[in-house]
PDBML (XML) file of the C-alpha atoms, coordinates in Angstrom:
<?xml version="1.0" encoding="UTF-8" ?>
<PDBx:datablock datablockName="MODEL"
   xmlns:PDBx="http://pdbml.pdb.org/schema/pdbx-v50.xsd"
   xmlns:xsi="http://www.w3.org/2001/XMLSchema-instance"
   xsi:schemaLocation="http://pdbml.pdb.org/schema/pdbx-v50.xsd pdbx-v50.xsd">
   <PDBx:atom_siteCategory>
      <PDBx:atom_site id="1">
         <PDBx:B_iso_or_equiv>0.00</PDBx:B_iso_or_equiv>
         <PDBx:Cartn_x>-0.067</PDBx:Cartn_x>
         <PDBx:Cartn_y>-0.010</PDBx:Cartn_y>
         <PDBx:Cartn_z>-0.036</PDBx:Cartn_z>
         <PDBx:auth_asym_id>A</PDBx:auth_asym_id>
         <PDBx:auth_atom_id>CA</PDBx:auth_atom_id>
         <PDBx:auth_comp_id>GLY</PDBx:auth_comp_id>
         <PDBx:auth_seq_id>1</PDBx:auth_seq_id>
         <PDBx:group_PDB>ATOM</PDBx:group_PDB>
         <PDBx:label_alt_id xsi:nil="true" />
         <PDBx:label_asym_id>A</PDBx:label_asym_id>
         <PDBx:label_atom_id>CA</PDBx:label_atom_id>
         <PDBx:label_comp_id>GLY</PDBx:label_comp_id>
         <PDBx:label_entity_id>1</PDBx:label_entity_id>
         <PDBx:label_seq_id>1</PDBx:label_seq_id>
         <PDBx:occupancy>1.00</PDBx:occupancy>
         <PDBx:pdbx_PDB_model_num>1</PDBx:pdbx_PDB_model_num>
         <PDBx:type_symbol>C</PDBx:type_symbol>
      </PDBx:atom_site>
      <PDBx:atom_site id="2">
         <PDBx:B_iso_or_equiv>0.00</PDBx:B_iso_or_equiv>
         <PDBx:Cartn_x>3.085</PDBx:Cartn_x>
         <PDBx:Cartn_y>2.309</PDBx:Cartn_y>
         <PDBx:Cartn_z>-0.488</PDBx:Cartn_z>
         <PDBx:auth_asym_id>A</PDBx:auth_asym_id>
         <PDBx:auth_atom_id>CA</PDBx:auth_atom_id>
         <PDBx:auth_comp_id>GLU</PDBx:auth_comp_id>
         <PDBx:auth_seq_id>2</PDBx:auth_seq_id>
         <PDBx:group_PDB>ATOM</PDBx:group_PDB>
         <PDBx:label_alt_id xsi:nil="true" />
         <PDBx:label_asym_id>A</PDBx:label_asym_id>
         <PDBx:label_atom_id>CA</PDBx:label_atom_id>
         <PDBx:label_comp_id>GLU</PDBx:label_comp_id>
         <PDBx:label_entity_id>1</PDBx:label_entity_id>
         <PDBx:label_seq_id>2</PDBx:label_seq_id>
         <PDBx:occupancy>1.00</PDBx:occupancy>
         <PDBx:pdbx_PDB_model_num>1</PDBx:pdbx_PDB_model_num>
         <PDBx:type_symbol>C</PDBx:type_symbol>
      </PDBx:atom_site>
      <PDBx:atom_site id="3">
         <PDBx:B_iso_or_equiv>0.00</PDBx:B_iso_or_equiv>
         <PDBx:Cartn_x>3.188</PDBx:Cartn_x>
         <PDBx:Cartn_y>5.449</PDBx:Cartn_y>
         <PDBx:Cartn_z>-2.618</PDBx:Cartn_z>
         <PDBx:auth_asym_id>A</PDBx:auth_asym_id>
         <PDBx:auth_atom_id>CA</PDBx:auth_atom_id>
         <PDBx:auth_comp_id>TYR</PDBx:auth_comp_id>
         <PDBx:auth_seq_id>3</PDBx:auth_seq_id>
         <PDBx:group_PDB>ATOM</PDBx:group_PDB>
         <PDBx:label_alt_id xsi:nil="true" />
         <PDBx:label_asym_id>A</PDBx:label_asym_id>
         <PDBx:label_atom_id>CA</PDBx:label_atom_id>
         <PDBx:label_comp_id>TYR</PDBx:label_comp_id>
         <PDBx:label_entity_id>1</PDBx:label_entity_id>
         <PDBx:label_seq_id>3</PDBx:label_seq_id>
         <PDBx:occupancy>1.00</PDBx:occupancy>
         <PDBx:pdbx_PDB_model_num>1</PDBx:pdbx_PDB_model_num>
         <PDBx:type_symbol>C</PDBx:type_symbol>
      </PDBx:atom_site>
      <PDBx:atom_site id="4">
         <PDBx:B_iso_or_equiv>0.00</PDBx:B_iso_or_equiv>
         <PDBx:Cartn_x>3.609</PDBx:Cartn_x>
         <PDBx:Cartn_y>4.498</PDBx:Cartn_y>
         <PDBx:Cartn_z>-6.220</PDBx:Cartn_z>
         <PDBx:auth_asym_id>A</PDBx:auth_asym_id>
         <PDBx:auth_atom_id>CA</PDBx:auth_atom_id>
         <PDBx:auth_comp_id>GLN</PDBx:auth_comp_id>
         <PDBx:auth_seq_id>4</PDBx:auth_seq_id>
         <PDBx:group_PDB>ATOM</PDBx:group_PDB>
         <PDBx:label_alt_id xsi:nil="true" />
         <PDBx:label_asym_id>A</PDBx:label_asym_id>
         <PDBx:label_atom_id>CA</PDBx:label_atom_id>
         <PDBx:label_comp_id>GLN</PDBx:label_comp_id>
         <PDBx:label_entity_id>1</PDBx:label_entity_id>
         <PDBx:label_seq_id>4</PDBx:label_seq_id>
         <PDBx:occupancy>1.00</PDBx:occupancy>
         <PDBx:pdbx_PDB_model_num>1</PDBx:pdbx_PDB_model_num>
         <PDBx:type_symbol>C</PDBx:type_symbol>
      </PDBx:atom_site>
      <PDBx:atom_site id="5">
         <PDBx:B_iso_or_equiv>0.00</PDBx:B_iso_or_equiv>
         <PDBx:Cartn_x>4.120</PDBx:Cartn_x>
         <PDBx:Cartn_y>7.589</PDBx:Cartn_y>
         <PDBx:Cartn_z>-8.415</PDBx:Cartn_z>
         <PDBx:auth_asym_id>A</PDBx:auth_asym_id>
         <PDBx:auth_atom_id>CA</PDBx:auth_atom_id>
         <PDBx:auth_comp_id>SER</PDBx:auth_comp_id>
         <PDBx:auth_seq_id>5</PDBx:auth_seq_id>
         <PDBx:group_PDB>ATOM</PDBx:group_PDB>
         <PDBx:label_alt_id xsi:nil="true" />
         <PDBx:label_asym_id>A</PDBx:label_asym_id>
         <PDBx:label_atom_id>CA</PDBx:label_atom_id>
         <PDBx:label_comp_id>SER</PDBx:label_comp_id>
         <PDBx:label_entity_id>1</PDBx:label_entity_id>
         <PDBx:label_seq_id>5</PDBx:label_seq_id>
         <PDBx:occupancy>1.00</PDBx:occupancy>
         <PDBx:pdbx_PDB_model_num>1</PDBx:pdbx_PDB_model_num>
         <PDBx:type_symbol>C</PDBx:type_symbol>
      </PDBx:atom_site>
      <PDBx:atom_site id="6">
         <PDBx:B_iso_or_equiv>0.00</PDBx:B_iso_or_equiv>
         <PDBx:Cartn_x>4.566</PDBx:Cartn_x>
         <PDBx:Cartn_y>11.318</PDBx:Cartn_y>
         <PDBx:Cartn_z>-8.099</PDBx:Cartn_z>
         <PDBx:auth_asym_id>A</PDBx:auth_asym_id>
         <PDBx:auth_atom_id>CA</PDBx:auth_atom_id>
         <PDBx:auth_comp_id>LYS</PDBx:auth_comp_id>
         <PDBx:auth_seq_id>6</PDBx:auth_seq_id>
         <PDBx:group_PDB>ATOM</PDBx:group_PDB>
         <PDBx:label_alt_id xsi:nil="true" />
         <PDBx:label_asym_id>A</PDBx:label_asym_id>
         <PDBx:label_atom_id>CA</PDBx:label_atom_id>
         <PDBx:label_comp_id>LYS</PDBx:label_comp_id>
         <PDBx:label_entity_id>1</PDBx:label_entity_id>
         <PDBx:label_seq_id>6</PDBx:label_seq_id>
         <PDBx:occupancy>1.00</PDBx:occupancy>
         <PDBx:pdbx_PDB_model_num>1</PDBx:pdbx_PDB_model_num>
         <PDBx:type_symbol>C</PDBx:type_symbol>
      </PDBx:atom_site>
      <PDBx:atom_site id="7">
         <PDBx:B_iso_or_equiv>0.00</PDBx:B_iso_or_equiv>
         <PDBx:Cartn_x>2.130</PDBx:Cartn_x>
         <PDBx:Cartn_y>11.879</PDBx:Cartn_y>
         <PDBx:Cartn_z>-11.058</PDBx:Cartn_z>
         <PDBx:auth_asym_id>A</PDBx:auth_asym_id>
         <PDBx:auth_atom_id>CA</PDBx:auth_atom_id>
         <PDBx:auth_comp_id>VAL</PDBx:auth_comp_id>
         <PDBx:auth_seq_id>7</PDBx:auth_seq_id>
         <PDBx:group_PDB>ATOM</PDBx:group_PDB>
         <PDBx:label_alt_id xsi:nil="true" />
         <PDBx:label_asym_id>A</PDBx:label_asym_id>
         <PDBx:label_atom_id>CA</PDBx:label_atom_id>
         <PDBx:label_comp_id>VAL</PDBx:label_comp_id>
         <PDBx:label_entity_id>1</PDBx:label_entity_id>
         <PDBx:label_seq_id>7</PDBx:label_seq_id>
         <PDBx:occupancy>1.00</PDBx:occupancy>
         <PDBx:pdbx_PDB_model_num>1</PDBx:pdbx_PDB_model_num>
         <PDBx:type_symbol>C</PDBx:type_symbol>
      </PDBx:atom_site>
      <PDBx:atom_site id="8">
         <PDBx:B_iso_or_equiv>0.00</PDBx:B_iso_or_equiv>
         <PDBx:Cartn_x>-1.629</PDBx:Cartn_x>
         <PDBx:Cartn_y>11.291</PDBx:Cartn_y>
         <PDBx:Cartn_z>-10.417</PDBx:Cartn_z>
         <PDBx:auth_asym_id>A</PDBx:auth_asym_id>
         <PDBx:auth_atom_id>CA</PDBx:auth_atom_id>
         <PDBx:auth_comp_id>SER</PDBx:auth_comp_id>
         <PDBx:auth_seq_id>8</PDBx:auth_seq_id>
         <PDBx:group_PDB>ATOM</PDBx:group_PDB>
         <PDBx:label_alt_id xsi:nil="true" />
         <PDBx:label_asym_id>A</PDBx:label_asym_id>
         <PDBx:label_atom_id>CA</PDBx:label_atom_id>
         <PDBx:label_comp_id>SER</PDBx:label_comp_id>
         <PDBx:label_entity_id>1</PDBx:label_entity_id>
         <PDBx:label_seq_id>8</PDBx:label_seq_id>
         <PDBx:occupancy>1.00</PDBx:occupancy>
         <PDBx:pdbx_PDB_model_num>1</PDBx:pdbx_PDB_model_num>
         <PDBx:type_symbol>C</PDBx:type_symbol>
      </PDBx:atom_site>
      <PDBx:atom_site id="9">
         <PDBx:B_iso_or_equiv>0.00</PDBx:B_iso_or_equiv>
         <PDBx:Cartn_x>-4.574</PDBx:Cartn_x>
         <PDBx:Cartn_y>12.382</PDBx:Cartn_y>
         <PDBx:Cartn_z>-12.394</PDBx:Cartn_z>
         <PDBx:auth_asym_id>A</PDBx:auth_asym_id>
         <PDBx:auth_atom_id>CA</PDBx:auth_atom_id>
         <PDBx:auth_comp_id>PRO</PDBx:auth_comp_id>
         <PDBx:auth_seq_id>9</PDBx:auth_seq_id>
         <PDBx:group_PDB>ATOM</PDBx:group_PDB>
         <PDBx:label_alt_id xsi:nil="true" />
         <PDBx:label_asym_id>A</PDBx:label_asym_id>
         <PDBx:label_atom_id>CA</PDBx:label_atom_id>
         <PDBx:label_comp_id>PRO</PDBx:label_comp_id>
         <PDBx:label_entity_id>1</PDBx:label_entity_id>
         <PDBx:label_seq_id>9</PDBx:label_seq_id>
         <PDBx:occupancy>1.00</PDBx:occupancy>
         <PDBx:pdbx_PDB_model_num>1</PDBx:pdbx_PDB_model_num>
         <PDBx:type_symbol>C</PDBx:type_symbol>
      </PDBx:atom_site>
      <PDBx:atom_site id="10">
         <PDBx:B_iso_or_equiv>0.00</PDBx:B_iso_or_equiv>
         <PDBx:Cartn_x>-7.251</PDBx:Cartn_x>
         <PDBx:Cartn_y>14.977</PDBx:Cartn_y>
         <PDBx:Cartn_z>-11.488</PDBx:Cartn_z>
         <PDBx:auth_asym_id>A</PDBx:auth_asym_id>
         <PDBx:auth_atom_id>CA</PDBx:auth_atom_id>
         <PDBx:auth_comp_id>SER</PDBx:auth_comp_id>
         <PDBx:auth_seq_id>10</PDBx:auth_seq_id>
         <PDBx:group_PDB>ATOM</PDBx:group_PDB>
         <PDBx:label_alt_id xsi:nil="true" />
         <PDBx:label_asym_id>A</PDBx:label_asym_id>
         <PDBx:label_atom_id>CA</PDBx:label_atom_id>
         <PDBx:label_comp_id>SER</PDBx:label_comp_id>
         <PDBx:label_entity_id>1</PDBx:label_entity_id>
         <PDBx:label_seq_id>10</PDBx:label_seq_id>
         <PDBx:occupancy>1.00</PDBx:occupancy>
         <PDBx:pdbx_PDB_model_num>1</PDBx:pdbx_PDB_model_num>
         <PDBx:type_symbol>C</PDBx:type_symbol>
      </PDBx:atom_site>
      <PDBx:atom_site id="11">
         <PDBx:B_iso_or_equiv>0.00</PDBx:B_iso_or_equiv>
         <PDBx:Cartn_x>-10.574</PDBx:Cartn_x>
         <PDBx:Cartn_y>13.456</PDBx:Cartn_y>
         <PDBx:Cartn_z>-12.330</PDBx:Cartn_z>
         <PDBx:auth_asym_id>A</PDBx:auth_asym_id>
         <PDBx:auth_atom_id>CA</PDBx:auth_atom_id>
         <PDBx:auth_comp_id>VAL</PDBx:auth_comp_id>
         <PDBx:auth_seq_id>11</PDBx:auth_seq_id>
         <PDBx:group_PDB>ATOM</PDBx:group_PDB>
         <PDBx:label_alt_id xsi:nil="true" />
         <PDBx:label_asym_id>A</PDBx:label_asym_id>
         <PDBx:label_atom_id>CA</PDBx:label_atom_id>
         <PDBx:label_comp_id>VAL</PDBx:label_comp_id>
         <PDBx:label_entity_id>1</PDBx:label_entity_id>
         <PDBx:label_seq_id>11</PDBx:label_seq_id>
         <PDBx:occupancy>1.00</PDBx:occupancy>
         <PDBx:pdbx_PDB_model_num>1</PDBx:pdbx_PDB_model_num>
         <PDBx:type_symbol>C</PDBx:type_symbol>
      </PDBx:atom_site>
      <PDBx:atom_site id="12">
         <PDBx:B_iso_or_equiv>0.00</PDBx:B_iso_or_equiv>
         <PDBx:Cartn_x>-14.368</PDBx:Cartn_x>
         <PDBx:Cartn_y>14.763</PDBx:Cartn_y>
         <PDBx:Cartn_z>-12.335</PDBx:Cartn_z>
         <PDBx:auth_asym_id>A</PDBx:auth_asym_id>
         <PDBx:auth_atom_id>CA</PDBx:auth_atom_id>
         <PDBx:auth_comp_id>VAL</PDBx:auth_comp_id>
         <PDBx:auth_seq_id>12</PDBx:auth_seq_id>
         <PDBx:group_PDB>ATOM</PDBx:group_PDB>
         <PDBx:label_alt_id xsi:nil="true" />
         <PDBx:label_asym_id>A</PDBx:label_asym_id>
         <PDBx:label_atom_id>CA</PDBx:label_atom_id>
         <PDBx:label_comp_id>VAL</PDBx:label_comp_id>
         <PDBx:label_entity_id>1</PDBx:label_entity_id>
         <PDBx:label_seq_id>12</PDBx:label_seq_id>
         <PDBx:occupancy>1.00</PDBx:occupancy>
         <PDBx:pdbx_PDB_model_num>1</PDBx:pdbx_PDB_model_num>
         <PDBx:type_symbol>C</PDBx:type_symbol>
      </PDBx:atom_site>
      <PDBx:atom_site id="13">
         <PDBx:B_iso_or_equiv>0.00</PDBx:B_iso_or_equiv>
         <PDBx:Cartn_x>-17.481</PDBx:Cartn_x>
         <PDBx:Cartn_y>12.635</PDBx:Cartn_y>
         <PDBx:Cartn_z>-13.429</PDBx:Cartn_z>
         <PDBx:auth_asym_id>A</PDBx:auth_asym_id>
         <PDBx:auth_atom_id>CA</PDBx:auth_atom_id>
         <PDBx:auth_comp_id>PRO</PDBx:auth_comp_id>
         <PDBx:auth_seq_id>13</PDBx:auth_seq_id>
         <PDBx:group_PDB>ATOM</PDBx:group_PDB>
         <PDBx:label_alt_id xsi:nil="true" />
         <PDBx:label_asym_id>A</PDBx:label_asym_id>
         <PDBx:label_atom_id>CA</PDBx:label_atom_id>
         <PDBx:label_comp_id>PRO</PDBx:label_comp_id>
         <PDBx:label_entity_id>1</PDBx:label_entity_id>
         <PDBx:label_seq_id>13</PDBx:label_seq_id>
         <PDBx:occupancy>1.00</PDBx:occupancy>
         <PDBx:pdbx_PDB_model_num>1</PDBx:pdbx_PDB_model_num>
         <PDBx:type_symbol>C</PDBx:type_symbol>
      </PDBx:atom_site>
      <PDBx:atom_site id="14">
         <PDBx:B_iso_or_equiv>0.00</PDBx:B_iso_or_equiv>
         <PDBx:Cartn_x>-18.555</PDBx:Cartn_x>
         <PDBx:Cartn_y>13.497</PDBx:Cartn_y>
         <PDBx:Cartn_z>-16.897</PDBx:Cartn_z>
         <PDBx:auth_asym_id>A</PDBx:auth_asym_id>
         <PDBx:auth_atom_id>CA</PDBx:auth_atom_id>
         <PDBx:auth_comp_id>THR</PDBx:auth_comp_id>
         <PDBx:auth_seq_id>14</PDBx:auth_seq_id>
         <PDBx:group_PDB>ATOM</PDBx:group_PDB>
         <PDBx:label_alt_id xsi:nil="true" />
         <PDBx:label_asym_id>A</PDBx:label_asym_id>
         <PDBx:label_atom_id>CA</PDBx:label_atom_id>
         <PDBx:label_comp_id>THR</PDBx:label_comp_id>
         <PDBx:label_entity_id>1</PDBx:label_entity_id>
         <PDBx:label_seq_id>14</PDBx:label_seq_id>
         <PDBx:occupancy>1.00</PDBx:occupancy>
         <PDBx:pdbx_PDB_model_num>1</PDBx:pdbx_PDB_model_num>
         <PDBx:type_symbol>C</PDBx:type_symbol>
      </PDBx:atom_site>
      <PDBx:atom_site id="15">
         <PDBx:B_iso_or_equiv>0.00</PDBx:B_iso_or_equiv>
         <PDBx:Cartn_x>-21.741</PDBx:Cartn_x>
         <PDBx:Cartn_y>11.553</PDBx:Cartn_y>
         <PDBx:Cartn_z>-16.901</PDBx:Cartn_z>
         <PDBx:auth_asym_id>A</PDBx:auth_asym_id>
         <PDBx:auth_atom_id>CA</PDBx:auth_atom_id>
         <PDBx:auth_comp_id>ALA</PDBx:auth_comp_id>
         <PDBx:auth_seq_id>15</PDBx:auth_seq_id>
         <PDBx:group_PDB>ATOM</PDBx:group_PDB>
         <PDBx:label_alt_id xsi:nil="true" />
         <PDBx:label_asym_id>A</PDBx:label_asym_id>
         <PDBx:label_atom_id>CA</PDBx:label_atom_id>
         <PDBx:label_comp_id>ALA</PDBx:label_comp_id>
         <PDBx:label_entity_id>1</PDBx:label_entity_id>
         <PDBx:label_seq_id>15</PDBx:label_seq_id>
         <PDBx:occupancy>1.00</PDBx:occupancy>
         <PDBx:pdbx_PDB_model_num>1</PDBx:pdbx_PDB_model_num>
         <PDBx:type_symbol>C</PDBx:type_symbol>
      </PDBx:atom_site>
      <PDBx:atom_site id="16">
         <PDBx:B_iso_or_equiv>0.00</PDBx:B_iso_or_equiv>
         <PDBx:Cartn_x>-23.683</PDBx:Cartn_x>
         <PDBx:Cartn_y>8.791</PDBx:Cartn_y>
         <PDBx:Cartn_z>-15.303</PDBx:Cartn_z>
         <PDBx:auth_asym_id>A</PDBx:auth_asym_id>
         <PDBx:auth_atom_id>CA</PDBx:auth_atom_id>
         <PDBx:auth_comp_id>MET</PDBx:auth_comp_id>
         <PDBx:auth_seq_id>16</PDBx:auth_seq_id>
         <PDBx:group_PDB>ATOM</PDBx:group_PDB>
         <PDBx:label_alt_id xsi:nil="true" />
         <PDBx:label_asym_id>A</PDBx:label_asym_id>
         <PDBx:label_atom_id>CA</PDBx:label_atom_id>
         <PDBx:label_comp_id>MET</PDBx:label_comp_id>
         <PDBx:label_entity_id>1</PDBx:label_entity_id>
         <PDBx:label_seq_id>16</PDBx:label_seq_id>
         <PDBx:occupancy>1.00</PDBx:occupancy>
         <PDBx:pdbx_PDB_model_num>1</PDBx:pdbx_PDB_model_num>
         <PDBx:type_symbol>C</PDBx:type_symbol>
      </PDBx:atom_site>
      <PDBx:atom_site id="17">
         <PDBx:B_iso_or_equiv>0.00</PDBx:B_iso_or_equiv>
         <PDBx:Cartn_x>-23.808</PDBx:Cartn_x>
         <PDBx:Cartn_y>5.373</PDBx:Cartn_y>
         <PDBx:Cartn_z>-16.693</PDBx:Cartn_z>
         <PDBx:auth_asym_id>A</PDBx:auth_asym_id>
         <PDBx:auth_atom_id>CA</PDBx:auth_atom_id>
         <PDBx:auth_comp_id>SER</PDBx:auth_comp_id>
         <PDBx:auth_seq_id>17</PDBx:auth_seq_id>
         <PDBx:group_PDB>ATOM</PDBx:group_PDB>
         <PDBx:label_alt_id xsi:nil="true" />
         <PDBx:label_asym_id>A</PDBx:label_asym_id>
         <PDBx:label_atom_id>CA</PDBx:label_atom_id>
         <PDBx:label_comp_id>SER</PDBx:label_comp_id>
         <PDBx:label_entity_id>1</PDBx:label_entity_id>
         <PDBx:label_seq_id>17</PDBx:label_seq_id>
         <PDBx:occupancy>1.00</PDBx:occupancy>
         <PDBx:pdbx_PDB_model_num>1</PDBx:pdbx_PDB_model_num>
         <PDBx:type_symbol>C</PDBx:type_symbol>
      </PDBx:atom_site>
      <PDBx:atom_site id="18">
         <PDBx:B_iso_or_equiv>0.00</PDBx:B_iso_or_equiv>
         <PDBx:Cartn_x>-26.679</PDBx:Cartn_x>
         <PDBx:Cartn_y>3.561</PDBx:Cartn_y>
         <PDBx:Cartn_z>-15.183</PDBx:Cartn_z>
         <PDBx:auth_asym_id>A</PDBx:auth_asym_id>
         <PDBx:auth_atom_id>CA</PDBx:auth_atom_id>
         <PDBx:auth_comp_id>SER</PDBx:auth_comp_id>
         <PDBx:auth_seq_id>18</PDBx:auth_seq_id>
         <PDBx:group_PDB>ATOM</PDBx:group_PDB>
         <PDBx:label_alt_id xsi:nil="true" />
         <PDBx:label_asym_id>A</PDBx:label_asym_id>
         <PDBx:label_atom_id>CA</PDBx:label_atom_id>
         <PDBx:label_comp_id>SER</PDBx:label_comp_id>
         <PDBx:label_entity_id>1</PDBx:label_entity_id>
         <PDBx:label_seq_id>18</PDBx:label_seq_id>
         <PDBx:occupancy>1.00</PDBx:occupancy>
         <PDBx:pdbx_PDB_model_num>1</PDBx:pdbx_PDB_model_num>
         <PDBx:type_symbol>C</PDBx:type_symbol>
      </PDBx:atom_site>
      <PDBx:atom_site id="19">
         <PDBx:B_iso_or_equiv>0.00</PDBx:B_iso_or_equiv>
         <PDBx:Cartn_x>-25.460</PDBx:Cartn_x>
         <PDBx:Cartn_y>3.691</PDBx:Cartn_y>
         <PDBx:Cartn_z>-11.480</PDBx:Cartn_z>
         <PDBx:auth_asym_id>A</PDBx:auth_asym_id>
         <PDBx:auth_atom_id>CA</PDBx:auth_atom_id>
         <PDBx:auth_comp_id>GLN</PDBx:auth_comp_id>
         <PDBx:auth_seq_id>19</PDBx:auth_seq_id>
         <PDBx:group_PDB>ATOM</PDBx:group_PDB>
         <PDBx:label_alt_id xsi:nil="true" />
         <PDBx:label_asym_id>A</PDBx:label_asym_id>
         <PDBx:label_atom_id>CA</PDBx:label_atom_id>
         <PDBx:label_comp_id>GLN</PDBx:label_comp_id>
         <PDBx:label_entity_id>1</PDBx:label_entity_id>
         <PDBx:label_seq_id>19</PDBx:label_seq_id>
         <PDBx:occupancy>1.00</PDBx:occupancy>
         <PDBx:pdbx_PDB_model_num>1</PDBx:pdbx_PDB_model_num>
         <PDBx:type_symbol>C</PDBx:type_symbol>
      </PDBx:atom_site>
      <PDBx:atom_site id="20">
         <PDBx:B_iso_or_equiv>0.00</PDBx:B_iso_or_equiv>
         <PDBx:Cartn_x>-21.679</PDBx:Cartn_x>
         <PDBx:Cartn_y>4.327</PDBx:Cartn_y>
         <PDBx:Cartn_z>-11.979</PDBx:Cartn_z>
         <PDBx:auth_asym_id>A</PDBx:auth_asym_id>
         <PDBx:auth_atom_id>CA</PDBx:auth_atom_id>
         <PDBx:auth_comp_id>PHE</PDBx:auth_comp_id>
         <PDBx:auth_seq_id>20</PDBx:auth_seq_id>
         <PDBx:group_PDB>ATOM</PDBx:group_PDB>
         <PDBx:label_alt_id xsi:nil="true" />
         <PDBx:label_asym_id>A</PDBx:label_asym_id>
         <PDBx:label_atom_id>CA</PDBx:label_atom_id>
         <PDBx:label_comp_id>PHE</PDBx:label_comp_id>
         <PDBx:label_entity_id>1</PDBx:label_entity_id>
         <PDBx:label_seq_id>20</PDBx:label_seq_id>
         <PDBx:occupancy>1.00</PDBx:occupancy>
         <PDBx:pdbx_PDB_model_num>1</PDBx:pdbx_PDB_model_num>
         <PDBx:type_symbol>C</PDBx:type_symbol>
      </PDBx:atom_site>
      <PDBx:atom_site id="21">
         <PDBx:B_iso_or_equiv>0.00</PDBx:B_iso_or_equiv>
         <PDBx:Cartn_x>-20.181</PDBx:Cartn_x>
         <PDBx:Cartn_y>7.755</PDBx:Cartn_y>
         <PDBx:Cartn_z>-12.775</PDBx:Cartn_z>
         <PDBx:auth_asym_id>A</PDBx:auth_asym_id>
         <PDBx:auth_atom_id>CA</PDBx:auth_atom_id>
         <PDBx:auth_comp_id>PRO</PDBx:auth_comp_id>
         <PDBx:auth_seq_id>21</PDBx:auth_seq_id>
         <PDBx:group_PDB>ATOM</PDBx:group_PDB>
         <PDBx:label_alt_id xsi:nil="true" />
         <PDBx:label_asym_id>A</PDBx:label_asym_id>
         <PDBx:label_atom_id>CA</PDBx:label_atom_id>
         <PDBx:label_comp_id>PRO</PDBx:label_comp_id>
         <PDBx:label_entity_id>1</PDBx:label_entity_id>
         <PDBx:label_seq_id>21</PDBx:label_seq_id>
         <PDBx:occupancy>1.00</PDBx:occupancy>
         <PDBx:pdbx_PDB_model_num>1</PDBx:pdbx_PDB_model_num>
         <PDBx:type_symbol>C</PDBx:type_symbol>
      </PDBx:atom_site>
      <PDBx:atom_site id="22">
         <PDBx:B_iso_or_equiv>0.00</PDBx:B_iso_or_equiv>
         <PDBx:Cartn_x>-18.010</PDBx:Cartn_x>
         <PDBx:Cartn_y>7.976</PDBx:Cartn_y>
         <PDBx:Cartn_z>-16.009</PDBx:Cartn_z>
         <PDBx:auth_asym_id>A</PDBx:auth_asym_id>
         <PDBx:auth_atom_id>CA</PDBx:auth_atom_id>
         <PDBx:auth_comp_id>ILE</PDBx:auth_comp_id>
         <PDBx:auth_seq_id>22</PDBx:auth_seq_id>
         <PDBx:group_PDB>ATOM</PDBx:group_PDB>
         <PDBx:label_alt_id xsi:nil="true" />
         <PDBx:label_asym_id>A</PDBx:label_asym_id>
         <PDBx:label_atom_id>CA</PDBx:label_atom_id>
         <PDBx:label_comp_id>ILE</PDBx:label_comp_id>
         <PDBx:label_entity_id>1</PDBx:label_entity_id>
         <PDBx:label_seq_id>22</PDBx:label_seq_id>
         <PDBx:occupancy>1.00</PDBx:occupancy>
         <PDBx:pdbx_PDB_model_num>1</PDBx:pdbx_PDB_model_num>
         <PDBx:type_symbol>C</PDBx:type_symbol>
      </PDBx:atom_site>
      <PDBx:atom_site id="23">
         <PDBx:B_iso_or_equiv>0.00</PDBx:B_iso_or_equiv>
         <PDBx:Cartn_x>-14.945</PDBx:Cartn_x>
         <PDBx:Cartn_y>9.654</PDBx:Cartn_y>
         <PDBx:Cartn_z>-14.959</PDBx:Cartn_z>
         <PDBx:auth_asym_id>A</PDBx:auth_asym_id>
         <PDBx:auth_atom_id>CA</PDBx:auth_atom_id>
         <PDBx:auth_comp_id>TRP</PDBx:auth_comp_id>
         <PDBx:auth_seq_id>23</PDBx:auth_seq_id>
         <PDBx:group_PDB>ATOM</PDBx:group_PDB>
         <PDBx:label_alt_id xsi:nil="true" />
         <PDBx:label_asym_id>A</PDBx:label_asym_id>
         <PDBx:label_atom_id>CA</PDBx:label_atom_id>
         <PDBx:label_comp_id>TRP</PDBx:label_comp_id>
         <PDBx:label_entity_id>1</PDBx:label_entity_id>
         <PDBx:label_seq_id>23</PDBx:label_seq_id>
         <PDBx:occupancy>1.00</PDBx:occupancy>
         <PDBx:pdbx_PDB_model_num>1</PDBx:pdbx_PDB_model_num>
         <PDBx:type_symbol>C</PDBx:type_symbol>
      </PDBx:atom_site>
      <PDBx:atom_site id="24">
         <PDBx:B_iso_or_equiv>0.00</PDBx:B_iso_or_equiv>
         <PDBx:Cartn_x>-12.801</PDBx:Cartn_x>
         <PDBx:Cartn_y>12.006</PDBx:Cartn_y>
         <PDBx:Cartn_z>-16.941</PDBx:Cartn_z>
         <PDBx:auth_asym_id>A</PDBx:auth_asym_id>
         <PDBx:auth_atom_id>CA</PDBx:auth_atom_id>
         <PDBx:auth_comp_id>LYS</PDBx:auth_comp_id>
         <PDBx:auth_seq_id>24</PDBx:auth_seq_id>
         <PDBx:group_PDB>ATOM</PDBx:group_PDB>
         <PDBx:label_alt_id xsi:nil="true" />
         <PDBx:label_asym_id>A</PDBx:label_asym_id>
         <PDBx:label_atom_id>CA</PDBx:label_atom_id>
         <PDBx:label_comp_id>LYS</PDBx:label_comp_id>
         <PDBx:label_entity_id>1</PDBx:label_entity_id>
         <PDBx:label_seq_id>24</PDBx:label_seq_id>
         <PDBx:occupancy>1.00</PDBx:occupancy>
         <PDBx:pdbx_PDB_model_num>1</PDBx:pdbx_PDB_model_num>
         <PDBx:type_symbol>C</PDBx:type_symbol>
      </PDBx:atom_site>
      <PDBx:atom_site id="25">
         <PDBx:B_iso_or_equiv>0.00</PDBx:B_iso_or_equiv>
         <PDBx:Cartn_x>-9.107</PDBx:Cartn_x>
         <PDBx:Cartn_y>12.899</PDBx:Cartn_y>
         <PDBx:Cartn_z>-16.324</PDBx:Cartn_z>
         <PDBx:auth_asym_id>A</PDBx:auth_asym_id>
         <PDBx:auth_atom_id>CA</PDBx:auth_atom_id>
         <PDBx:auth_comp_id>ILE</PDBx:auth_comp_id>
         <PDBx:auth_seq_id>25</PDBx:auth_seq_id>
         <PDBx:group_PDB>ATOM</PDBx:group_PDB>
         <PDBx:label_alt_id xsi:nil="true" />
         <PDBx:label_asym_id>A</PDBx:label_asym_id>
         <PDBx:label_atom_id>CA</PDBx:label_atom_id>
         <PDBx:label_comp_id>ILE</PDBx:label_comp_id>
         <PDBx:label_entity_id>1</PDBx:label_entity_id>
         <PDBx:label_seq_id>25</PDBx:label_seq_id>
         <PDBx:occupancy>1.00</PDBx:occupancy>
         <PDBx:pdbx_PDB_model_num>1</PDBx:pdbx_PDB_model_num>
         <PDBx:type_symbol>C</PDBx:type_symbol>
      </PDBx:atom_site>
   </PDBx:atom_siteCategory>
</PDBx:datablock>
């Protein structure tokens, strides 16, 4: 469970697909 990368995405939901959101970087 340790740190893997110094680069990570910022994400926001763009739409809902049935019950799960679709994420966009």
